[in-house]
Protein backbone atom coordinates (compact mmCIF):
# COMPACT_ATOMS: atom_id res chain seq x y z
CA UNK A 1 -36.25 -88.90 11.89
CA UNK A 2 -36.08 -88.52 15.63
CA UNK A 3 -38.12 -85.77 17.27
CA UNK A 4 -36.20 -82.52 17.45
CA UNK A 5 -35.14 -81.54 20.94
CA UNK A 6 -34.76 -77.94 19.79
CA UNK A 7 -38.02 -77.59 17.87
CA UNK A 8 -40.36 -80.30 19.18
CA UNK A 9 -43.71 -80.90 17.54
CA UNK A 10 -46.64 -79.59 19.58
CA UNK A 11 -50.31 -80.38 19.08
CA UNK A 12 -51.12 -76.70 18.57
CA UNK A 13 -49.14 -76.80 15.29
CA UNK A 14 -51.52 -79.37 13.80
CA UNK A 15 -53.21 -78.22 10.61
CA UNK A 16 -55.54 -81.20 10.40
CA UNK A 17 -54.19 -82.89 7.30
CA UNK A 18 -51.94 -85.86 8.09
CA UNK A 19 -49.60 -85.33 5.13
CA UNK A 20 -49.14 -81.61 5.72
CA UNK A 21 -48.61 -82.15 9.44
CA UNK A 22 -45.99 -84.83 8.72
CA UNK A 23 -44.16 -82.46 6.38
CA UNK A 24 -44.28 -79.74 9.02
CA UNK A 25 -42.73 -82.16 11.55
CA UNK A 26 -39.96 -82.93 9.04
CA UNK A 27 -39.28 -79.21 8.57
CA UNK A 28 -38.84 -78.84 12.33
CA UNK A 29 -36.53 -81.87 12.38
CA UNK A 30 -34.33 -80.44 9.65
CA UNK A 31 -34.27 -77.04 11.35
CA UNK A 32 -33.25 -78.81 14.57
CA UNK A 33 -30.38 -80.57 12.81
CA UNK A 34 -29.15 -77.28 11.36
CA UNK A 35 -29.44 -75.64 14.77
CA UNK A 36 -27.35 -78.41 16.35
CA UNK A 37 -24.68 -78.11 13.64
CA UNK A 38 -24.43 -74.32 13.96
CA UNK A 39 -24.56 -74.32 17.78
CA UNK A 40 -21.84 -77.00 17.98
CA UNK A 41 -19.60 -75.10 15.58
CA UNK A 42 -19.51 -77.95 13.10
CA UNK A 43 -17.45 -77.55 9.98
CA UNK A 44 -18.63 -75.69 6.90
CA UNK A 45 -19.52 -78.84 4.95
CA UNK A 46 -21.77 -80.22 7.70
CA UNK A 47 -23.54 -76.90 8.21
CA UNK A 48 -23.87 -76.36 4.45
CA UNK A 49 -25.39 -79.83 3.98
CA UNK A 50 -27.85 -79.29 6.84
CA UNK A 51 -28.79 -75.88 5.45
CA UNK A 52 -29.20 -77.23 1.91
CA UNK A 53 -31.44 -80.05 3.17
CA UNK A 54 -33.66 -77.57 5.02
CA UNK A 55 -33.92 -75.27 2.00
CA UNK A 56 -34.69 -78.14 -0.39
CA UNK A 57 -37.35 -79.65 1.84
CA UNK A 58 -38.90 -76.24 2.54
CA UNK A 59 -39.27 -75.65 -1.20
CA UNK A 60 -40.68 -79.16 -1.77
CA UNK A 61 -43.13 -78.80 1.10
CA UNK A 62 -44.35 -75.39 -0.05
CA UNK A 63 -44.86 -76.75 -3.56
CA UNK A 64 -46.82 -79.75 -2.23
CA UNK A 65 -48.88 -77.58 0.09
CA UNK A 66 -49.71 -75.07 -2.65
CA UNK A 67 -50.86 -77.91 -4.90
CA UNK A 68 -53.04 -79.20 -2.07
CA UNK A 69 -54.64 -75.76 -1.68
CA UNK A 70 -55.16 -75.53 -5.46
CA UNK A 71 -56.73 -79.01 -5.62
CA UNK A 72 -58.94 -78.11 -2.65
CA UNK A 73 -60.01 -74.92 -4.45
CA UNK A 74 -58.86 -72.65 -1.63
CA UNK A 75 -59.54 -68.98 -2.26
CA UNK A 76 -56.27 -67.91 -0.64
CA UNK A 77 -53.79 -69.75 -2.85
CA UNK A 78 -52.08 -66.69 -4.35
CA UNK A 79 -51.65 -65.02 -0.96
CA UNK A 80 -50.28 -68.29 0.40
CA UNK A 81 -47.79 -68.55 -2.46
CA UNK A 82 -46.54 -65.02 -1.74
CA UNK A 83 -46.11 -65.86 1.94
CA UNK A 84 -44.20 -69.02 1.02
CA UNK A 85 -41.85 -66.99 -1.21
CA UNK A 86 -41.23 -64.50 1.61
CA UNK A 87 -40.52 -67.24 4.14
CA UNK A 88 -38.16 -68.99 1.70
CA UNK A 89 -36.32 -65.74 0.97
CA UNK A 90 -35.89 -65.17 4.71
CA UNK A 91 -34.51 -68.69 5.09
CA UNK A 92 -32.07 -68.14 2.23
CA UNK A 93 -30.93 -64.88 3.86
CA UNK A 94 -29.74 -66.91 6.88
CA UNK A 95 -26.76 -67.89 4.68
CA UNK A 96 -24.93 -65.08 2.93
CA UNK A 97 -21.62 -64.16 1.38
CA UNK A 98 -19.68 -62.03 3.83
CA UNK A 99 -16.38 -60.26 3.29
CA UNK A 100 -14.56 -63.37 4.54
CA UNK A 101 -16.65 -65.96 2.71
CA UNK A 102 -19.92 -67.72 3.40
CA UNK A 103 -21.50 -66.85 6.73
CA UNK A 104 -24.31 -68.79 8.34
CA UNK A 105 -26.84 -67.54 10.83
CA UNK A 106 -26.36 -67.77 14.55
CA UNK A 107 -28.41 -70.32 16.51
CA UNK A 108 -30.55 -67.42 17.80
CA UNK A 109 -31.27 -66.17 14.27
CA UNK A 110 -32.33 -69.65 13.20
CA UNK A 111 -34.52 -70.06 16.27
CA UNK A 112 -36.13 -66.70 15.53
CA UNK A 113 -36.90 -67.75 11.94
CA UNK A 114 -38.33 -71.11 13.00
CA UNK A 115 -40.48 -69.75 15.82
CA UNK A 116 -41.61 -66.43 14.36
CA UNK A 117 -41.93 -67.32 10.68
CA UNK A 118 -42.19 -71.08 10.14
CA UNK A 119 -44.21 -72.16 13.19
CA UNK A 120 -46.22 -68.93 13.11
CA UNK A 121 -47.06 -69.75 9.48
CA UNK A 122 -48.33 -73.21 10.48
CA UNK A 123 -50.59 -71.70 13.13
CA UNK A 124 -51.70 -68.41 11.60
CA UNK A 125 -51.92 -69.22 7.89
CA UNK A 126 -52.04 -72.97 7.27
CA UNK A 127 -54.58 -73.70 10.00
CA UNK A 128 -56.79 -70.84 8.81
CA UNK A 129 -56.74 -71.97 5.20
CA UNK A 130 -57.43 -75.56 6.19
CA UNK A 131 -60.37 -74.57 8.42
CA UNK A 132 -61.91 -72.68 5.49
CA UNK A 133 -62.00 -75.77 3.23
CA UNK A 134 -65.09 -77.83 2.60
CA UNK A 135 -65.22 -81.25 4.30
CA UNK A 136 -64.62 -83.06 0.99
CA UNK A 137 -61.60 -80.85 0.21
CA UNK A 138 -60.14 -81.61 3.65
CA UNK A 139 -60.15 -85.32 2.82
CA UNK A 140 -57.78 -84.83 -0.11
CA UNK A 141 -54.24 -85.95 0.59
CA UNK A 142 -51.27 -83.65 0.09
CA UNK A 143 -48.37 -85.10 -1.89
CA UNK A 144 -46.08 -87.27 0.20
């Protein structure tokens, strides 16, 4: 994937695990594609496909990341799982059934979710959990 112009990767997002960081970059790419589709007023099918890809990859990433934390014997796994469920629910709420059919978020709503929930999660939660791991646990590789 090409770097997202809307949600570019920044070094301050780095968790420290190559696999997790790569998955985080992919999440930003998919969010950028959805943002472009919504902002350009693309048709329902294009927006729906972009949204579905973001949801699917978010769920896959969270599952992989949780398994990494479990394998690394992180003490905060259950809290992290709850946060992942909340973030996923908020993402799913960006698409809802309105009185006139399916309604998708505005570009601003998507940007808000990406910046204040997804990226904030990378920085505030993922980095903290990773820093708390033992050196040998940090060397484990998250699922690709």
